[in-house]
Each structure stands twice: as structure tokens, then as C-alpha cells.
């Protein structure tokens, strides 16, 4: 979630990177960013790395030995879907709580109005 402090920065970044239109400009913004990085970093100091390639290209580029453990795969589609579902459930629970409080308040107010109207205690 964005707070009132981070939202303006996020919004400005969005405007710069995607000209305010992610749907139509995301690929162009992505390509533009990578071209900018490529123009700044010398080829021998730049690794264009794809996580799916695992340890090999990373270790080679860094001139280090293979760590001897399986490459971590924490952001699989399944993992991301589970995280999204968990976040969605938290959001829905929060909405349900708010609606329950509003519903109870509305019922209590309606009941109190009905009681006072029947007693004739309401003064208009």
C-alpha cells in the first residue's frame, strides 16, 4: 500500500517511466530504461542476467565459484499467486470488518430511532 508520503513519489516515477500510461507504454519504458543502462555501463562491466539461467552466468561474471547449492526459486508463478491470494484475503477481511461495523451501527441507529418514535420522545 502507498502512504500519503510515498504516493506522490510513486506517481511521479510512473509518469516519468511510462508517460502516465502503463498499459500503452510499459514495454517502451522498460526498453528505454535498459538502453539507458547499456549506454552508461561498459560492456565488460555489464551483466544482462536472466534469473532462469541460475548460478552459472552470475558466478562467471563475478569470477567466483559456484556456491554448491541449488539456485533459489522464490518467485515462481505458484508462489506469487499464493502471495497475491493471501494479500487479497487480508484486504477482503478488512473490508468485511468495516462493513460489519457500519452495518451494526446502521441497525443500532435504526432500532434506536424506532424505539424513540414509538415512545414519542423524538422532537423535530
Protein backbone atom coordinates (compact mmCIF):
# COMPACT_ATOMS: atom_id res chain seq x y z
CA UNK A 1 0.00 0.00 0.00
CA UNK A 2 1.12 3.50 -0.68
CA UNK A 3 1.05 6.06 2.07
CA UNK A 4 0.34 9.72 1.65
CA UNK A 5 4.11 10.29 1.59
CA UNK A 6 5.12 7.65 -0.94
CA UNK A 7 2.19 8.07 -3.30
CA UNK A 8 3.44 11.36 -4.85
CA UNK A 9 6.90 9.86 -5.47
CA UNK A 10 5.37 6.70 -6.94
CA UNK A 11 3.03 8.74 -9.13
CA UNK A 12 5.90 10.91 -10.40
CA UNK A 13 8.02 7.84 -11.18
CA UNK A 14 5.06 6.34 -13.01
CA UNK A 15 4.72 9.49 -15.12
CA UNK A 16 8.44 9.55 -15.95
CA UNK A 17 8.81 5.86 -16.74
CA UNK A 18 5.54 5.30 -18.60
CA UNK A 19 4.41 8.78 -19.65
CA UNK A 20 1.48 8.28 -17.29
CA UNK A 21 0.08 5.36 -19.31
CA UNK A 22 1.38 1.98 -18.18
CA UNK A 23 -0.89 -0.05 -20.46
CA UNK A 24 0.39 1.55 -23.65
CA UNK A 25 3.91 2.50 -22.62
CA UNK A 26 5.22 -0.20 -20.26
CA UNK A 27 7.27 -2.09 -22.86
CA UNK A 28 8.65 1.15 -24.29
CA UNK A 29 9.57 2.38 -20.78
CA UNK A 30 11.25 -0.95 -19.98
CA UNK A 31 13.28 -0.88 -23.20
CA UNK A 32 14.18 2.79 -22.72
CA UNK A 33 15.47 2.10 -19.20
CA UNK A 34 17.62 -0.83 -20.33
CA UNK A 35 19.04 1.16 -23.25
CA UNK A 36 19.92 3.93 -20.82
CA UNK A 37 21.74 1.48 -18.53
CA UNK A 38 23.55 -0.07 -21.52
CA UNK A 39 24.69 3.40 -22.62
CA UNK A 40 26.17 4.14 -19.18
CA UNK A 41 27.88 0.87 -18.26
CA UNK A 42 30.85 -0.52 -20.24
CA UNK A 43 30.11 -3.92 -21.81
CA UNK A 44 32.77 -5.71 -19.76
CA UNK A 45 31.15 -4.42 -16.55
CA UNK A 46 27.55 -5.13 -17.51
CA UNK A 47 25.79 -8.41 -16.90
CA UNK A 48 22.47 -8.88 -18.62
CA UNK A 49 21.26 -11.64 -16.37
CA UNK A 50 18.16 -13.77 -16.55
CA UNK A 51 17.25 -15.43 -13.25
CA UNK A 52 16.10 -18.53 -15.09
CA UNK A 53 19.77 -19.13 -16.08
CA UNK A 54 20.71 -19.85 -12.45
CA UNK A 55 24.17 -19.56 -10.91
CA UNK A 56 26.40 -20.15 -13.93
CA UNK A 57 26.40 -16.75 -15.69
CA UNK A 58 26.33 -14.88 -12.39
CA UNK A 59 29.30 -16.77 -10.92
CA UNK A 60 31.24 -16.43 -14.18
CA UNK A 61 30.64 -12.67 -14.32
CA UNK A 62 31.66 -12.20 -10.67
CA UNK A 63 34.66 -14.53 -11.02
CA UNK A 64 33.52 -16.70 -8.11
CA UNK A 65 32.98 -20.41 -7.71
CA UNK A 66 29.57 -21.98 -7.89
CA UNK A 67 28.17 -21.93 -4.32
CA UNK A 68 27.26 -25.63 -4.49
CA UNK A 69 23.62 -25.13 -3.55
CA UNK A 70 20.53 -25.13 -5.69
CA UNK A 71 19.62 -21.74 -7.11
CA UNK A 72 16.73 -20.23 -5.11
CA UNK A 73 13.46 -20.04 -6.99
CA UNK A 74 11.29 -17.95 -4.66
CA UNK A 75 9.31 -16.05 -7.25
CA UNK A 76 7.64 -18.84 -9.16
CA UNK A 77 4.20 -18.25 -10.60
CA UNK A 78 2.73 -20.51 -7.92
CA UNK A 79 4.46 -18.59 -5.10
CA UNK A 80 3.38 -15.22 -6.48
CA UNK A 81 -0.20 -16.44 -6.90
CA UNK A 82 -0.25 -17.62 -3.27
CA UNK A 83 1.09 -14.25 -2.09
CA UNK A 84 -1.49 -12.42 -4.16
CA UNK A 85 -4.30 -14.61 -2.79
CA UNK A 86 -3.10 -14.02 0.79
CA UNK A 87 -2.98 -10.24 0.23
CA UNK A 88 -6.42 -10.31 -1.37
CA UNK A 89 -7.86 -12.25 1.58
CA UNK A 90 -6.40 -9.71 4.04
CA UNK A 91 -7.95 -6.89 2.03
CA UNK A 92 -11.33 -8.61 1.84
CA UNK A 93 -11.29 -9.32 5.59
CA UNK A 94 -10.52 -5.67 6.32
CA UNK A 95 -13.39 -4.57 4.05
CA UNK A 96 -15.74 -7.08 5.69
CA UNK A 97 -14.85 -5.77 9.15
CA UNK A 98 -15.54 -2.20 8.10
CA UNK A 99 -18.85 -3.16 6.51
CA UNK A 100 -19.84 -5.14 9.60
CA UNK A 101 -19.15 -2.14 11.85
CA UNK A 102 -21.14 0.14 9.54
CA UNK A 103 -23.96 -2.40 9.34
CA UNK A 104 -24.15 -2.80 13.11
CA UNK A 105 -24.09 0.97 13.54
CA UNK A 106 -26.89 1.39 10.98
CA UNK A 107 -29.00 -1.32 12.66
CA UNK A 108 -28.43 0.22 16.10
CA UNK A 109 -29.34 3.68 14.81
CA UNK A 110 -32.45 2.33 13.09
CA UNK A 111 -33.54 0.45 16.20
CA UNK A 112 -32.95 3.49 18.43
CA UNK A 113 -34.97 5.64 16.03
CA UNK A 114 -37.80 3.11 16.03
CA UNK A 115 -37.86 2.94 19.85
CA UNK A 116 -37.85 6.72 20.25
CA UNK A 117 -40.52 7.19 17.55
CA UNK A 118 -42.82 4.69 19.27
CA UNK A 119 -42.32 6.37 22.64
CA UNK A 120 -42.93 9.79 21.18
CA UNK A 121 -39.65 11.11 22.59
CA UNK A 122 -38.35 12.47 19.31
CA UNK A 123 -38.65 16.21 18.93
CA UNK A 124 -38.46 17.52 15.41
